[in-house]
């Protein structure tokens, strides 16, 4: 009896779909960011702080991934930015097919930036390409500085790491240097940002990096 590797078939199908999406985004000149993290790291708060400073300069769309509710999408819409909610109903990640279907809600011809806020999980999303230009992983100071060491696959496929909730550093047992050391040991070229949505620390630096990426995609 032939043994079928179901996981391999699923990933192969997703890769083909993701490659097609990447070509589409390249054709339209849209920079696509896949934002990933554990639940509660502050992804949506980072988005709110970031998009507030970028929305007057760029046309932006957001795809929100969650098991249930459209709470995060509502928060983004309050900024005047179009947001589409994907509820996975139990799946721990978004897939390229879901992104493709969601694009019906957006006008790619008039878009500069598409942000995909993935389901809160540092395991499955590392294996599923969504046609994005880059993955950015968020780790908060409340999670432990060894998070990169525990989830190396996510660090390995990411272009940048945001260490969030720096305003809590004096209240938690988190060694920023150790966290960066773990992360750089896995991905030496990883760009590092340290942010606080409470104080605004690092948001401008992170937003400038993102703006440069958008401009670069426009010119390519």
Protein backbone atom coordinates (compact mmCIF):
# COMPACT_ATOMS: atom_id res chain seq x y z
CA UNK A 1 0.00 0.00 0.00
CA UNK A 2 1.35 3.44 -0.97
CA UNK A 3 2.04 5.75 1.94
CA UNK A 4 0.86 9.33 1.37
CA UNK A 5 2.45 12.17 3.32
CA UNK A 6 -0.57 14.41 3.85
CA UNK A 7 1.44 17.24 5.39
CA UNK A 8 3.79 17.30 2.40
CA UNK A 9 0.85 17.48 -0.02
CA UNK A 10 -0.74 20.34 1.90
CA UNK A 11 2.52 22.31 1.99
CA UNK A 12 3.18 21.68 -1.69
CA UNK A 13 -0.25 23.02 -2.63
CA UNK A 14 0.26 26.03 -0.40
CA UNK A 15 3.67 26.81 -1.93
CA UNK A 16 2.22 26.89 -5.45
CA UNK A 17 -0.55 29.23 -4.34
CA UNK A 18 1.90 31.42 -2.43
CA UNK A 19 4.21 31.70 -5.45
CA UNK A 20 1.27 32.85 -7.57
CA UNK A 21 0.35 35.45 -4.95
CA UNK A 22 3.94 36.69 -4.81
CA UNK A 23 3.92 37.29 -8.55
CA UNK A 24 0.62 39.15 -8.24
CA UNK A 25 1.93 41.37 -5.44
CA UNK A 26 5.09 42.06 -7.45
CA UNK A 27 3.04 43.02 -10.50
CA UNK A 28 0.90 45.40 -8.41
CA UNK A 29 3.85 46.82 -6.45
CA UNK A 30 2.26 45.95 -3.10
CA UNK A 31 4.56 45.28 -0.15
CA UNK A 32 3.17 42.41 1.93
CA UNK A 33 4.06 41.86 5.58
CA UNK A 34 3.19 38.69 7.50
CA UNK A 35 3.13 39.60 11.21
CA UNK A 36 3.45 36.60 13.53
CA UNK A 37 3.67 36.02 17.28
CA UNK A 38 2.27 34.14 20.26
CA UNK A 39 -1.16 35.28 21.52
CA UNK A 40 -1.04 38.46 23.57
CA UNK A 41 2.32 39.77 22.37
CA UNK A 42 0.75 43.04 21.25
CA UNK A 43 0.63 42.58 17.44
CA UNK A 44 -2.57 44.56 17.01
CA UNK A 45 -1.37 47.35 19.29
CA UNK A 46 1.82 47.59 17.23
CA UNK A 47 -0.30 47.78 14.09
CA UNK A 48 -2.43 50.56 15.56
CA UNK A 49 0.66 52.58 16.50
CA UNK A 50 2.39 51.90 13.19
CA UNK A 51 -0.55 52.52 10.88
CA UNK A 52 -1.47 55.77 12.60
CA UNK A 53 1.81 57.19 11.31
CA UNK A 54 1.68 55.61 7.82
CA UNK A 55 -1.98 55.83 6.77
CA UNK A 56 -1.77 59.40 5.44
CA UNK A 57 1.15 58.51 3.16
CA UNK A 58 0.23 55.03 1.94
CA UNK A 59 -2.84 53.08 0.86
CA UNK A 60 -3.03 50.21 3.33
CA UNK A 61 -5.07 47.06 3.76
CA UNK A 62 -5.04 44.56 6.63
CA UNK A 63 -6.04 40.90 6.80
CA UNK A 64 -6.71 39.72 10.34
CA UNK A 65 -6.42 36.04 11.25
CA UNK A 66 -8.05 34.66 14.41
CA UNK A 67 -9.83 31.52 15.51
CA UNK A 68 -12.96 33.51 16.37
CA UNK A 69 -14.30 37.12 16.57
CA UNK A 70 -13.48 40.18 14.47
CA UNK A 71 -12.29 42.23 17.44
CA UNK A 72 -8.89 43.02 15.95
CA UNK A 73 -10.34 43.94 12.56
CA UNK A 74 -12.70 46.38 14.29
CA UNK A 75 -9.73 48.04 15.99
CA UNK A 76 -8.01 48.55 12.63
CA UNK A 77 -11.17 49.86 10.97
CA UNK A 78 -11.42 52.55 13.64
CA UNK A 79 -8.24 54.00 12.13
CA UNK A 80 -10.02 54.37 8.82
CA UNK A 81 -8.15 51.44 7.27
CA UNK A 82 -9.86 48.61 5.42
CA UNK A 83 -9.54 45.33 7.32
CA UNK A 84 -10.82 41.89 6.39
CA UNK A 85 -11.29 39.20 9.02
CA UNK A 86 -10.48 35.52 8.49
CA UNK A 87 -11.81 33.24 11.22
CA UNK A 88 -10.10 29.86 11.01
CA UNK A 89 -12.51 28.18 13.43
CA UNK A 90 -9.67 26.19 14.99
CA UNK A 91 -6.80 26.16 12.50
CA UNK A 92 -3.63 27.57 14.05
CA UNK A 93 -2.41 29.42 10.94
CA UNK A 94 -3.46 31.18 7.75
CA UNK A 95 -2.92 29.59 4.35
CA UNK A 96 -2.29 31.09 0.93
CA UNK A 97 -5.70 29.99 -0.35
CA UNK A 98 -7.39 32.05 2.36
CA UNK A 99 -5.29 35.08 1.48
CA UNK A 100 -6.16 34.68 -2.19
CA UNK A 101 -9.87 34.65 -1.42
CA UNK A 102 -9.54 37.67 0.88
CA UNK A 103 -7.98 39.75 -1.90
CA UNK A 104 -11.45 40.08 -3.42
CA UNK A 105 -12.07 42.64 -0.65
CA UNK A 106 -9.18 44.91 -1.72
CA UNK A 107 -8.20 47.06 -4.67
CA UNK A 108 -4.60 45.99 -5.26
CA UNK A 109 -4.20 48.54 -8.05
CA UNK A 110 -4.47 51.26 -5.43
CA UNK A 111 -2.61 49.68 -2.54
CA UNK A 112 0.93 50.16 -1.25
CA UNK A 113 0.96 47.94 1.83
CA UNK A 114 -0.90 44.78 2.81
CA UNK A 115 -0.38 43.55 6.34
CA UNK A 116 -1.40 40.03 7.33
CA UNK A 117 -1.78 39.64 11.09
CA UNK A 118 -1.50 35.89 11.44
CA UNK A 119 -3.14 33.68 14.05
CA UNK A 120 -1.30 33.84 17.38
CA UNK A 121 1.08 30.89 17.10
CA UNK A 122 4.86 30.52 16.70
CA UNK A 123 4.80 27.01 15.23
CA UNK A 124 2.51 26.41 12.23
CA UNK A 125 2.77 29.87 10.56
CA UNK A 126 6.51 29.32 10.08
CA UNK A 127 5.74 26.56 7.55
CA UNK A 128 3.05 28.36 5.54
CA UNK A 129 4.21 30.89 2.98
CA UNK A 130 1.51 33.45 2.17
CA UNK A 131 3.28 35.12 -0.74
CA UNK A 132 4.59 37.82 1.59
CA UNK A 133 7.74 39.86 1.15
CA UNK A 134 8.76 39.14 4.72
CA UNK A 135 7.70 37.72 8.03
CA UNK A 136 8.18 39.83 11.15
CA UNK A 137 7.96 38.08 14.51
CA UNK A 138 6.85 39.82 17.70
CA UNK A 139 8.00 38.69 21.16
CA UNK A 140 6.88 40.56 24.27
CA UNK A 141 8.94 41.04 27.42
CA UNK A 142 6.32 39.08 29.37
CA UNK A 143 7.04 35.86 27.44
CA UNK A 144 10.62 35.06 28.47
CA UNK A 145 13.90 35.95 26.78
CA UNK A 146 14.49 32.37 25.57
CA UNK A 147 11.50 32.44 23.21
CA UNK A 148 13.70 32.51 20.08
CA UNK A 149 15.56 29.42 21.27
CA UNK A 150 12.29 27.59 21.87
CA UNK A 151 10.83 28.49 18.46
CA UNK A 152 13.84 28.60 16.12
CA UNK A 153 11.87 27.74 12.97
CA UNK A 154 9.94 31.00 13.19
CA UNK A 155 13.06 33.06 13.81
CA UNK A 156 14.80 31.34 10.91
CA UNK A 157 12.16 32.41 8.35
CA UNK A 158 11.70 35.95 9.69
CA UNK A 159 13.37 39.14 8.48
CA UNK A 160 12.86 41.13 11.67
CA UNK A 161 12.15 40.68 15.36
CA UNK A 162 10.15 43.17 17.41
CA UNK A 163 10.71 42.95 21.16
CA UNK A 164 7.53 44.57 22.44
CA UNK A 165 6.32 45.91 25.80
CA UNK A 166 9.70 47.35 26.78
CA UNK A 167 7.88 49.57 29.26
CA UNK A 168 7.48 46.46 31.44
CA UNK A 169 11.17 45.58 31.58
CA UNK A 170 11.61 46.84 35.13
CA UNK A 171 8.75 44.61 36.27
CA UNK A 172 9.62 41.33 34.54
CA UNK A 173 12.54 38.90 34.42
CA UNK A 174 13.54 39.49 30.80
CA UNK A 175 17.09 39.92 29.54
CA UNK A 176 16.95 41.82 26.25
CA UNK A 177 20.56 41.09 25.36
CA UNK A 178 20.03 37.36 25.88
CA UNK A 179 16.90 37.39 23.72
CA UNK A 180 18.76 39.13 20.90
CA UNK A 181 21.70 36.74 21.32
CA UNK A 182 19.40 33.71 20.97
CA UNK A 183 17.69 35.22 17.91
CA UNK A 184 20.91 36.30 16.16
CA UNK A 185 22.39 32.88 16.79
CA UNK A 186 19.62 31.44 14.65
CA UNK A 187 19.27 34.22 12.09
CA UNK A 188 22.35 36.52 12.05
CA UNK A 189 20.79 38.99 9.59
CA UNK A 190 17.67 39.50 11.71
CA UNK A 191 16.71 43.17 12.11
CA UNK A 192 15.89 43.98 15.73
CA UNK A 193 13.39 46.55 17.01
CA UNK A 194 12.49 47.28 20.62
CA UNK A 195 9.07 48.85 21.08
CA UNK A 196 6.49 50.00 23.56
CA UNK A 197 3.00 50.95 22.44
CA UNK A 198 2.49 52.64 25.82
CA UNK A 199 5.45 55.05 25.59
CA UNK A 200 5.96 55.03 21.82
CA UNK A 201 9.53 53.79 22.18
CA UNK A 202 10.90 52.32 18.95
CA UNK A 203 7.69 52.75 16.93
CA UNK A 204 9.17 55.49 14.74
CA UNK A 205 12.28 53.40 14.06
CA UNK A 206 10.23 50.35 13.14
CA UNK A 207 7.81 52.41 11.01
CA UNK A 208 10.70 54.01 9.10
CA UNK A 209 12.08 50.55 8.27
CA UNK A 210 8.66 49.50 6.99
CA UNK A 211 8.29 52.69 4.94
CA UNK A 212 11.66 52.06 3.30
CA UNK A 213 10.54 48.54 2.41
CA UNK A 214 7.34 49.88 0.83
CA UNK A 215 9.28 52.42 -1.23
CA UNK A 216 11.77 49.77 -2.36
CA UNK A 217 8.95 47.50 -3.54
CA UNK A 218 7.36 50.38 -5.45
CA UNK A 219 10.59 50.97 -7.39
CA UNK A 220 11.35 47.32 -8.15
